[in-house]
Amino acid sequence: MRSEASSASIFAANRARGAVTFDVRSIDGVTRRGSLHESGSLRVRFPSPEDEGLSAVFVNTAGGVAGGDRFDIEIAAREGARLTLTTAAAEKIYRATGQAAELNIALQVAHGAHLSWLPQETILFDQARMSRRIDIDLAEGASLLLCEIVVFGRLAMGERMERGAFVDRWRVRRGGSLVFAETVRLEGDIGRKLGQVAIAKAGVAIGAALIVPGDEALVERVREIGSFGGEAAISAWNGFAMARFCAQDAARLRADMLAVLGRASLTPLPRLWLN
């Protein structure tokens, strides 16, 4: 009989690992890619030249994320650069029998630079376990648009996430000082918890968008949208704005997010979002 240590070793050897590190810089007013390092099953592609900014698309060649997988992303937008990032498709987080999947994202934005982090949805299957960490370092005078959508099961396929773990840690520093810190933690009987009014009121999709700079004028522009397919709210303080979303299904939340991003961003949304 195979020993537990041997089984653990085989499991670890079959886990996906992926890492991408790169920077972009402004050269004569045009954003160009600097150094780039890729490893494992994570890749980044730059689909087409643009007038001033640069777009990047992440591709996970592993076809999804399972328990014990780890992906690391480090990106720096140098002074004056403009970068928009997205993913080729929604990322699927599959069932985990042991340790959680880890996603670690570090974003650095210099003075006068802008970074839009706009991945497509993250979909968690039943009994998935995921731990994500997003660390953002903004210089004074940097701007940021960051959004994430999390879907607990594919409702259209008759699937719901009943149990599992989801931990999402965001930390934002501006000028070296911590200005925003939040951790979302859902563990155990997630299906029951999402049914509670104070958490999601039976919704299966949640989202958040962080906008820097953000002020009351932005809040008013968003509120002019009027009605939403799900629930949405936005507020601004300390020079940034946060919009939050909750909906009964992913399609409604995506539509609400698109409406808000259309009011919040001067940068065109990725074409993959609009297909």
C-alpha atoms as a PDB file:
ATOM      1  CA  MET A   1       0.000   0.000   0.000  1.00  0.00           C
ATOM      2  CA  ARG A   2       1.304   3.426  -0.949  1.00  0.00           C
ATOM      3  CA  SER A   3       2.304   5.464   2.100  1.00  0.00           C
ATOM      4  CA  GLU A   4       0.625   8.755   2.949  1.00  0.00           C
ATOM      5  CA  ALA A   5       3.970  10.540   2.465  1.00  0.00           C
ATOM      6  CA  SER A   6       4.327   9.032  -0.999  1.00  0.00           C
ATOM      7  CA  SER A   7       0.787  10.043  -1.948  1.00  0.00           C
ATOM      8  CA  ALA A   8       1.409  13.593  -0.723  1.00  0.00           C
ATOM      9  CA  SER A   9       4.620  13.751  -2.745  1.00  0.00           C
ATOM     10  CA  ILE A  10       2.854  12.617  -5.915  1.00  0.00           C
ATOM     11  CA  PHE A  11       0.044  15.120  -5.294  1.00  0.00           C
ATOM     12  CA  ALA A  12       2.514  17.980  -4.840  1.00  0.00           C
ATOM     13  CA  ALA A  13       4.439  17.025  -7.972  1.00  0.00           C
ATOM     14  CA  ASN A  14       1.258  17.253 -10.040  1.00  0.00           C
ATOM     15  CA  ARG A  15       0.192  20.704  -8.866  1.00  0.00           C
ATOM     16  CA  ALA A  16       0.188  23.523 -11.378  1.00  0.00           C
ATOM     17  CA  ARG A  17       2.621  26.362 -10.842  1.00  0.00           C
ATOM     18  CA  GLY A  18       2.675  29.555 -12.814  1.00  0.00           C
ATOM     19  CA  ALA A  19       4.311  32.957 -12.531  1.00  0.00           C
ATOM     20  CA  VAL A  20       4.434  36.109 -14.617  1.00  0.00           C
ATOM     21  CA  THR A  21       6.557  39.164 -13.863  1.00  0.00           C
ATOM     22  CA  PHE A  22       6.823  42.165 -16.165  1.00  0.00           C
ATOM     23  CA  ASP A  23       6.952  45.918 -16.301  1.00  0.00           C
ATOM     24  CA  VAL A  24       5.782  48.561 -18.767  1.00  0.00           C
ATOM     25  CA  ARG A  25       7.204  52.006 -19.366  1.00  0.00           C
ATOM     26  CA  SER A  26       6.385  55.110 -21.342  1.00  0.00           C
ATOM     27  CA  ILE A  27       8.747  55.831 -24.237  1.00  0.00           C
ATOM     28  CA  ASP A  28       8.062  59.068 -26.125  1.00  0.00           C
ATOM     29  CA  GLY A  29       4.504  59.031 -24.766  1.00  0.00           C
ATOM     30  CA  VAL A  30       3.803  55.437 -25.868  1.00  0.00           C
ATOM     31  CA  THR A  31       3.605  52.524 -23.399  1.00  0.00           C
ATOM     32  CA  ARG A  32       5.975  49.681 -24.226  1.00  0.00           C
ATOM     33  CA  ARG A  33       6.707  46.399 -22.512  1.00  0.00           C
ATOM     34  CA  GLY A  34       9.930  46.187 -20.551  1.00  0.00           C
ATOM     35  CA  SER A  35      11.336  42.988 -19.068  1.00  0.00           C
ATOM     36  CA  LEU A  36       9.139  39.876 -18.995  1.00  0.00           C
ATOM     37  CA  HIS A  37       9.474  36.557 -17.188  1.00  0.00           C
ATOM     38  CA  GLU A  38       7.014  33.660 -17.516  1.00  0.00           C
ATOM     39  CA  SER A  39       7.136  30.224 -15.917  1.00  0.00           C
ATOM     40  CA  GLY A  40       4.877  27.213 -15.530  1.00  0.00           C
ATOM     41  CA  SER A  41       1.369  27.264 -16.918  1.00  0.00           C
ATOM     42  CA  LEU A  42       0.756  31.019 -16.726  1.00  0.00           C
ATOM     43  CA  ARG A  43       1.319  33.169 -19.812  1.00  0.00           C
ATOM     44  CA  VAL A  44       0.648  36.776 -20.793  1.00  0.00           C
ATOM     45  CA  ARG A  45       0.034  38.037 -24.313  1.00  0.00           C
ATOM     46  CA  PHE A  46      -0.093  41.545 -25.730  1.00  0.00           C
ATOM     47  CA  PRO A  47      -2.690  41.226 -28.496  1.00  0.00           C
ATOM     48  CA  SER A  48      -2.341  44.412 -30.544  1.00  0.00           C
ATOM     49  CA  PRO A  49      -0.493  47.728 -30.633  1.00  0.00           C
ATOM     50  CA  GLU A  50      -2.347  50.773 -29.342  1.00  0.00           C
ATOM     51  CA  ASP A  51      -1.963  54.517 -29.777  1.00  0.00           C
ATOM     52  CA  GLU A  52      -0.704  55.241 -26.264  1.00  0.00           C
ATOM     53  CA  GLY A  53      -1.578  52.502 -23.774  1.00  0.00           C
ATOM     54  CA  LEU A  54      -0.892  48.774 -23.750  1.00  0.00           C
ATOM     55  CA  SER A  55      -3.219  45.817 -23.152  1.00  0.00           C
ATOM     56  CA  ALA A  56      -2.232  42.439 -21.734  1.00  0.00           C
ATOM     57  CA  VAL A  57      -4.185  39.163 -21.550  1.00  0.00           C
ATOM     58  CA  PHE A  58      -3.383  36.365 -19.101  1.00  0.00           C
ATOM     59  CA  VAL A  59      -3.763  32.755 -20.254  1.00  0.00           C
ATOM     60  CA  ASN A  60      -3.713  29.793 -17.865  1.00  0.00           C
ATOM     61  CA  THR A  61      -2.655  26.827 -19.994  1.00  0.00           C
ATOM     62  CA  ALA A  62      -3.522  24.463 -17.124  1.00  0.00           C
ATOM     63  CA  GLY A  63      -7.172  24.971 -18.034  1.00  0.00           C
ATOM     64  CA  GLY A  64      -8.262  25.909 -14.531  1.00  0.00           C
ATOM     65  CA  VAL A  65      -7.096  26.011 -10.923  1.00  0.00           C
ATOM     66  CA  ALA A  66      -7.225  23.063  -8.510  1.00  0.00           C
ATOM     67  CA  GLY A  67      -6.315  22.579  -4.863  1.00  0.00           C
ATOM     68  CA  GLY A  68      -2.606  23.020  -4.194  1.00  0.00           C
ATOM     69  CA  ASP A  69      -1.990  25.040  -7.373  1.00  0.00           C
ATOM     70  CA  ARG A  70      -0.147  28.343  -7.048  1.00  0.00           C
ATOM     71  CA  PHE A  71       0.020  31.336  -9.361  1.00  0.00           C
ATOM     72  CA  ASP A  72       2.073  34.492  -8.809  1.00  0.00           C
ATOM     73  CA  ILE A  73       1.792  37.747 -10.737  1.00  0.00           C
ATOM     74  CA  GLU A  74       4.002  40.815 -10.321  1.00  0.00           C
ATOM     75  CA  ILE A  75       3.464  43.880 -12.518  1.00  0.00           C
ATOM     76  CA  ALA A  76       4.979  47.350 -12.461  1.00  0.00           C
ATOM     77  CA  ALA A  77       3.676  50.315 -14.459  1.00  0.00           C
ATOM     78  CA  ARG A  78       6.523  52.814 -14.632  1.00  0.00           C
ATOM     79  CA  GLU A  79       6.090  56.589 -14.669  1.00  0.00           C
ATOM     80  CA  GLY A  80       3.629  57.757 -17.321  1.00  0.00           C
ATOM     81  CA  ALA A  81       2.740  54.247 -18.562  1.00  0.00           C
ATOM     82  CA  ARG A  82      -0.853  53.095 -19.199  1.00  0.00           C
ATOM     83  CA  LEU A  83      -1.688  49.401 -18.879  1.00  0.00           C
ATOM     84  CA  THR A  84      -4.935  47.401 -19.049  1.00  0.00           C
ATOM     85  CA  LEU A  85      -4.972  43.748 -17.954  1.00  0.00           C
ATOM     86  CA  THR A  86      -7.606  41.083 -18.384  1.00  0.00           C
ATOM     87  CA  THR A  87      -7.926  37.308 -18.788  1.00  0.00           C
ATOM     88  CA  ALA A  88      -8.737  35.259 -21.868  1.00  0.00           C
ATOM     89  CA  ALA A  89     -11.724  33.663 -20.109  1.00  0.00           C
ATOM     90  CA  ALA A  90     -13.334  33.235 -16.725  1.00  0.00           C
ATOM     91  CA  GLU A  91     -11.010  31.415 -14.314  1.00  0.00           C
ATOM     92  CA  LYS A  92     -12.437  28.191 -12.884  1.00  0.00           C
ATOM     93  CA  ILE A  93     -11.484  27.059  -9.382  1.00  0.00           C
ATOM     94  CA  TYR A  94     -12.152  23.335  -9.027  1.00  0.00           C
ATOM     95  CA  ARG A  95     -12.837  21.090  -6.036  1.00  0.00           C
ATOM     96  CA  ALA A  96      -9.957  20.682  -3.604  1.00  0.00           C
ATOM     97  CA  THR A  97      -9.509  17.686  -1.339  1.00  0.00           C
ATOM     98  CA  GLY A  98      -6.670  19.248   0.640  1.00  0.00           C
ATOM     99  CA  GLN A  99      -4.876  22.547   0.605  1.00  0.00           C
ATOM    100  CA  ALA A 100      -6.303  25.615  -1.083  1.00  0.00           C
ATOM    101  CA  ALA A 101      -5.243  27.054  -4.404  1.00  0.00           C
ATOM    102  CA  GLU A 102      -3.134  30.208  -3.996  1.00  0.00           C
ATOM    103  CA  LEU A 103      -3.220  33.311  -6.171  1.00  0.00           C
ATOM    104  CA  ASN A 104      -0.784  36.093  -5.292  1.00  0.00           C
ATOM    105  CA  ILE A 105      -0.969  39.381  -7.196  1.00  0.00           C
ATOM    106  CA  ALA A 106       1.364  42.359  -6.691  1.00  0.00           C
ATOM    107  CA  LEU A 107       0.741  45.578  -8.632  1.00  0.00           C
ATOM    108  CA  GLN A 108       3.001  48.628  -8.561  1.00  0.00           C
ATOM    109  CA  VAL A 109       1.928  51.908 -10.197  1.00  0.00           C
ATOM    110  CA  ALA A 110       4.323  54.852 -10.438  1.00  0.00           C
ATOM    111  CA  HIS A 111       3.599  58.587 -10.488  1.00  0.00           C
ATOM    112  CA  GLY A 112       1.583  59.567 -13.546  1.00  0.00           C
ATOM    113  CA  ALA A 113       0.959  55.933 -14.511  1.00  0.00           C
ATOM    114  CA  HIS A 114      -2.414  54.194 -14.818  1.00  0.00           C
ATOM    115  CA  LEU A 115      -3.218  50.503 -14.375  1.00  0.00           C
ATOM    116  CA  SER A 116      -6.576  48.830 -15.055  1.00  0.00           C
ATOM    117  CA  TRP A 117      -6.873  45.330 -13.561  1.00  0.00           C
ATOM    118  CA  LEU A 118     -10.005  43.878 -15.196  1.00  0.00           C
ATOM    119  CA  PRO A 119      -9.980  40.060 -15.158  1.00  0.00           C
ATOM    120  CA  GLN A 120     -13.077  38.169 -16.192  1.00  0.00           C
ATOM    121  CA  GLU A 121     -15.056  36.276 -13.553  1.00  0.00           C
ATOM    122  CA  THR A 122     -13.601  33.812 -11.072  1.00  0.00           C
ATOM    123  CA  ILE A 123     -15.954  30.809 -10.821  1.00  0.00           C
ATOM    124  CA  LEU A 124     -15.764  28.564  -7.754  1.00  0.00           C
ATOM    125  CA  PHE A 125     -17.077  25.022  -8.036  1.00  0.00           C
ATOM    126  CA  ASP A 126     -18.526  23.152  -5.085  1.00  0.00           C
ATOM    127  CA  GLN A 127     -15.868  22.294  -2.468  1.00  0.00           C
ATOM    128  CA  ALA A 128     -13.314  24.583  -4.084  1.00  0.00           C
ATOM    129  CA  ARG A 129     -10.732  26.135  -1.782  1.00  0.00           C
ATOM    130  CA  MET A 130      -9.063  29.357  -2.832  1.00  0.00           C
ATOM    131  CA  SER A 131      -6.849  31.930  -1.129  1.00  0.00           C
ATOM    132  CA  ARG A 132      -6.132  35.114  -3.065  1.00  0.00           C
ATOM    133  CA  ARG A 133      -3.896  38.004  -2.071  1.00  0.00           C
ATOM    134  CA  ILE A 134      -3.800  41.329  -3.922  1.00  0.00           C
ATOM    135  CA  ASP A 135      -1.136  43.841  -2.880  1.00  0.00           C
ATOM    136  CA  ILE A 136      -1.110  47.237  -4.580  1.00  0.00           C
ATOM    137  CA  ASP A 137       1.581  49.883  -4.224  1.00  0.00           C
ATOM    138  CA  LEU A 138       0.532  53.280  -5.608  1.00  0.00           C
ATOM    139  CA  ALA A 139       2.812  56.275  -5.880  1.00  0.00           C
ATOM    140  CA  GLU A 140       1.339  59.718  -5.288  1.00  0.00           C
ATOM    141  CA  GLY A 141      -0.253  60.790  -8.558  1.00  0.00           C
ATOM    142  CA  ALA A 142      -0.855  57.213  -9.770  1.00  0.00           C
ATOM    143  CA  SER A 143      -4.300  56.046 -10.891  1.00  0.00           C
ATOM    144  CA  LEU A 144      -5.937  52.634 -10.665  1.00  0.00           C
ATOM    145  CA  LEU A 145      -9.069  50.804 -11.745  1.00  0.00           C
ATOM    146  CA  LEU A 146      -9.323  47.347 -10.213  1.00  0.00           C
ATOM    147  CA  CYS A 147     -12.324  45.039 -10.329  1.00  0.00           C
ATOM    148  CA  GLU A 148     -13.002  41.432  -9.377  1.00  0.00           C
ATOM    149  CA  ILE A 149     -16.131  39.303  -9.830  1.00  0.00           C
ATOM    150  CA  VAL A 150     -16.552  36.027  -7.926  1.00  0.00           C
ATOM    151  CA  VAL A 151     -19.267  33.511  -8.838  1.00  0.00           C
ATOM    152  CA  PHE A 152     -20.204  30.712  -6.440  1.00  0.00           C
ATOM    153  CA  GLY A 153     -21.257  28.013  -8.898  1.00  0.00           C
ATOM    154  CA  ARG A 154     -22.602  28.146 -12.451  1.00  0.00           C
ATOM    155  CA  LEU A 155     -26.315  28.678 -11.911  1.00  0.00           C
ATOM    156  CA  ALA A 156     -27.154  28.258 -15.595  1.00  0.00           C
ATOM    157  CA  MET A 157     -25.660  24.746 -15.410  1.00  0.00           C
ATOM    158  CA  GLY A 158     -27.619  23.892 -12.268  1.00  0.00           C
ATOM    159  CA  GLU A 159     -24.456  24.089 -10.153  1.00  0.00           C
ATOM    160  CA  ARG A 160     -24.052  25.788  -6.790  1.00  0.00           C
ATOM    161  CA  MET A 161     -21.158  26.062  -4.406  1.00  0.00           C
ATOM    162  CA  GLU A 162     -22.394  24.513  -1.180  1.00  0.00           C
ATOM    163  CA  ARG A 163     -19.166  24.036   0.761  1.00  0.00           C
ATOM    164  CA  GLY A 164     -15.578  25.140   0.448  1.00  0.00           C
ATOM    165  CA  ALA A 165     -13.376  28.099   1.315  1.00  0.00           C
ATOM    166  CA  PHE A 166     -12.793  31.513  -0.202  1.00  0.00           C
ATOM    167  CA  VAL A 167     -10.359  34.008   1.314  1.00  0.00           C
ATOM    168  CA  ASP A 168      -9.692  37.279  -0.520  1.00  0.00           C
ATOM    169  CA  ARG A 169      -7.169  39.720   0.980  1.00  0.00           C
ATOM    170  CA  TRP A 170      -6.685  43.204  -0.512  1.00  0.00           C
ATOM    171  CA  ARG A 171      -4.065  45.692   0.688  1.00  0.00           C
ATOM    172  CA  VAL A 172      -3.448  49.098  -0.930  1.00  0.00           C
ATOM    173  CA  ARG A 173      -0.564  51.413  -0.099  1.00  0.00           C
ATOM    174  CA  ARG A 174      -0.249  54.945  -1.426  1.00  0.00           C
ATOM    175  CA  GLY A 175       3.032  56.781  -1.027  1.00  0.00           C
ATOM    176  CA  GLY A 176       4.197  53.907   1.185  1.00  0.00           C
ATOM    177  CA  SER A 177       1.305  54.210   3.666  1.00  0.00           C
ATOM    178  CA  LEU A 178      -1.466  51.648   4.051  1.00  0.00           C
ATOM    179  CA  VAL A 179      -4.718  53.320   2.926  1.00  0.00           C
ATOM    180  CA  PHE A 180      -7.041  50.357   2.321  1.00  0.00           C
ATOM    181  CA  ALA A 181      -7.200  46.894   3.870  1.00  0.00           C
ATOM    182  CA  GLU A 182      -9.954  44.314   3.491  1.00  0.00           C
ATOM    183  CA  THR A 183     -10.275  40.563   3.853  1.00  0.00           C
ATOM    184  CA  VAL A 184     -13.317  38.573   2.741  1.00  0.00           C
ATOM    185  CA  ARG A 185     -13.494  35.116   4.306  1.00  0.00           C
ATOM    186  CA  LEU A 186     -16.182  32.524   3.562  1.00  0.00           C
ATOM    187  CA  GLU A 187     -15.579  29.000   4.797  1.00  0.00           C
ATOM    188  CA  GLY A 188     -17.509  25.826   5.495  1.00  0.00           C
ATOM    189  CA  ASP A 189     -21.206  25.919   4.630  1.00  0.00           C
ATOM    190  CA  ILE A 190     -20.894  28.685   2.042  1.00  0.00           C
ATOM    191  CA  GLY A 191     -24.244  27.966   0.404  1.00  0.00           C
ATOM    192  CA  ARG A 192     -26.113  28.575   3.661  1.00  0.00           C
ATOM    193  CA  LYS A 193     -24.090  31.678   4.463  1.00  0.00           C
ATOM    194  CA  LEU A 194     -24.772  33.226   1.054  1.00  0.00           C
ATOM    195  CA  GLY A 195     -28.477  32.766   1.733  1.00  0.00           C
ATOM    196  CA  GLN A 196     -28.332  35.106   4.701  1.00  0.00           C
ATOM    197  CA  VAL A 197     -29.704  38.598   4.053  1.00  0.00           C
ATOM    198  CA  ALA A 198     -26.687  40.331   5.588  1.00  0.00           C
ATOM    199  CA  ILE A 199     -24.257  38.421   3.329  1.00  0.00           C
ATOM    200  CA  ALA A 200     -25.731  37.892  -0.151  1.00  0.00           C
ATOM    201  CA  LYS A 201     -29.498  37.345   0.239  1.00  0.00           C
ATOM    202  CA  ALA A 202     -29.250  34.105  -1.804  1.00  0.00           C
ATOM    203  CA  GLY A 203     -27.094  35.767  -4.445  1.00  0.00           C
ATOM    204  CA  VAL A 204     -24.401  33.677  -6.128  1.00  0.00           C
ATOM    205  CA  ALA A 205     -22.225  36.486  -7.525  1.00  0.00           C
ATOM    206  CA  ILE A 206     -20.353  39.257  -5.750  1.00  0.00           C
ATOM    207  CA  GLY A 207     -18.038  41.924  -7.078  1.00  0.00           C
ATOM    208  CA  ALA A 208     -16.024  44.971  -6.154  1.00  0.00           C
ATOM    209  CA  ALA A 209     -14.368  47.800  -8.066  1.00  0.00           C
ATOM    210  CA  LEU A 210     -11.691  50.038  -6.562  1.00  0.00           C
ATOM    211  CA  ILE A 211     -11.185  53.370  -8.327  1.00  0.00           C
ATOM    212  CA  VAL A 212      -8.267  55.737  -7.657  1.00  0.00           C
ATOM    213  CA  PRO A 213      -8.681  58.675  -7.762  1.00  0.00           C
ATOM    214  CA  GLY A 214     -12.321  58.679  -6.753  1.00  0.00           C
ATOM    215  CA  ASP A 215     -14.478  61.457  -5.346  1.00  0.00           C
ATOM    216  CA  GLU A 216     -18.090  62.472  -4.777  1.00  0.00           C
ATOM    217  CA  ALA A 217     -18.398  63.659  -8.390  1.00  0.00           C
ATOM    218  CA  LEU A 218     -17.656  60.085  -9.518  1.00  0.00           C
ATOM    219  CA  VAL A 219     -20.151  58.735  -7.000  1.00  0.00           C
ATOM    220  CA  GLU A 220     -22.837  61.001  -8.440  1.00  0.00           C
ATOM    221  CA  ARG A 221     -22.066  59.925 -12.021  1.00  0.00           C
ATOM    222  CA  VAL A 222     -22.483  56.292 -11.023  1.00  0.00           C
ATOM    223  CA  ARG A 223     -25.686  56.940  -9.099  1.00  0.00           C
ATOM    224  CA  GLU A 224     -27.143  58.570 -12.213  1.00  0.00           C
ATOM    225  CA  ILE A 225     -27.310  55.063 -13.720  1.00  0.00           C
ATOM    226  CA  GLY A 226     -30.429  54.558 -11.607  1.00  0.00           C
ATOM    227  CA  SER A 227     -31.517  50.916 -11.525  1.00  0.00           C
ATOM    228  CA  PHE A 228     -29.311  47.828 -11.515  1.00  0.00           C
ATOM    229  CA  GLY A 229     -30.022  44.161 -12.230  1.00  0.00           C
ATOM    230  CA  GLY A 230     -28.711  43.254  -8.780  1.00  0.00           C
ATOM    231  CA  GLU A 231     -27.656  45.306  -5.800  1.00  0.00           C
ATOM    232  CA  ALA A 232     -24.945  47.942  -6.182  1.00  0.00           C
ATOM    233  CA  ALA A 233     -23.538  50.701  -4.016  1.00  0.00           C
ATOM    234  CA  ILE A 234     -20.630  53.138  -4.267  1.00  0.00           C
ATOM    235  CA  SER A 235     -18.902  55.461  -1.832  1.00  0.00           C
ATOM    236  CA  ALA A 236     -15.762  57.616  -1.851  1.00  0.00           C
ATOM    237  CA  TRP A 237     -13.293  58.620   0.850  1.00  0.00           C
ATOM    238  CA  ASN A 238      -9.609  59.513   1.172  1.00  0.00           C
ATOM    239  CA  GLY A 239      -9.279  60.075  -2.571  1.00  0.00           C
ATOM    240  CA  PHE A 240     -10.590  56.723  -3.809  1.00  0.00           C
ATOM    241  CA  ALA A 241     -13.959  55.120  -4.474  1.00  0.00           C
ATOM    242  CA  MET A 242     -15.256  51.601  -3.926  1.00  0.00           C
ATOM    243  CA  ALA A 243     -18.236  50.090  -5.732  1.00  0.00           C
ATOM    244  CA  ARG A 244     -19.715  46.817  -4.481  1.00  0.00           C
ATOM    245  CA  PHE A 245     -22.075  44.430  -6.225  1.00  0.00           C
ATOM    246  CA  CYS A 246     -24.229  41.422  -5.400  1.00  0.00           C
ATOM    247  CA  ALA A 247     -26.594  39.628  -7.770  1.00  0.00           C
ATOM    248  CA  GLN A 248     -28.668  36.480  -8.175  1.00  0.00           C
ATOM    249  CA  ASP A 249     -26.599  35.421 -11.179  1.00  0.00           C
ATOM    250  CA  ALA A 250     -23.317  36.291 -12.874  1.00  0.00           C
ATOM    251  CA  ALA A 251     -24.883  37.836 -15.994  1.00  0.00           C
ATOM    252  CA  ARG A 252     -26.708  40.513 -13.985  1.00  0.00           C
ATOM    253  CA  LEU A 253     -23.631  41.352 -11.975  1.00  0.00           C
ATOM    254  CA  ARG A 254     -21.441  41.577 -15.079  1.00  0.00           C
ATOM    255  CA  ALA A 255     -23.937  43.986 -16.666  1.00  0.00           C
ATOM    256  CA  ASP A 256     -23.970  46.118 -13.516  1.00  0.00           C
ATOM    257  CA  MET A 257     -20.169  46.143 -13.372  1.00  0.00           C
ATOM    258  CA  LEU A 258     -19.953  47.186 -17.032  1.00  0.00           C
ATOM    259  CA  ALA A 259     -22.354  50.055 -16.399  1.00  0.00           C
ATOM    260  CA  VAL A 260     -20.275  51.350 -13.489  1.00  0.00           C
ATOM    261  CA  LEU A 261     -16.929  50.907 -15.253  1.00  0.00           C
ATOM    262  CA  GLY A 262     -18.311  52.804 -18.223  1.00  0.00           C
ATOM    263  CA  ARG A 263     -18.911  55.810 -15.940  1.00  0.00           C
ATOM    264  CA  ALA A 264     -15.727  55.400 -13.897  1.00  0.00           C
ATOM    265  CA  SER A 265     -13.032  54.847 -16.507  1.00  0.00           C
ATOM    266  CA  LEU A 266     -11.664  56.990 -19.306  1.00  0.00           C
ATOM    267  CA  THR A 267      -9.862  53.898 -20.615  1.00  0.00           C
ATOM    268  CA  PRO A 268     -11.816  51.691 -23.060  1.00  0.00           C
ATOM    269  CA  LEU A 269     -12.798  48.330 -21.603  1.00  0.00           C
ATOM    270  CA  PRO A 270     -11.028  45.244 -22.977  1.00  0.00           C
ATOM    271  CA  ARG A 271     -12.692  43.826 -26.091  1.00  0.00           C
ATOM    272  CA  LEU A 272     -12.882  40.441 -24.366  1.00  0.00           C
ATOM    273  CA  TRP A 273     -15.292  41.996 -21.847  1.00  0.00           C
ATOM    274  CA  LEU A 274     -17.595  43.158 -24.629  1.00  0.00           C
ATOM    275  CA  ASN A 275     -17.783  39.969 -26.722  1.00  0.00           C
END
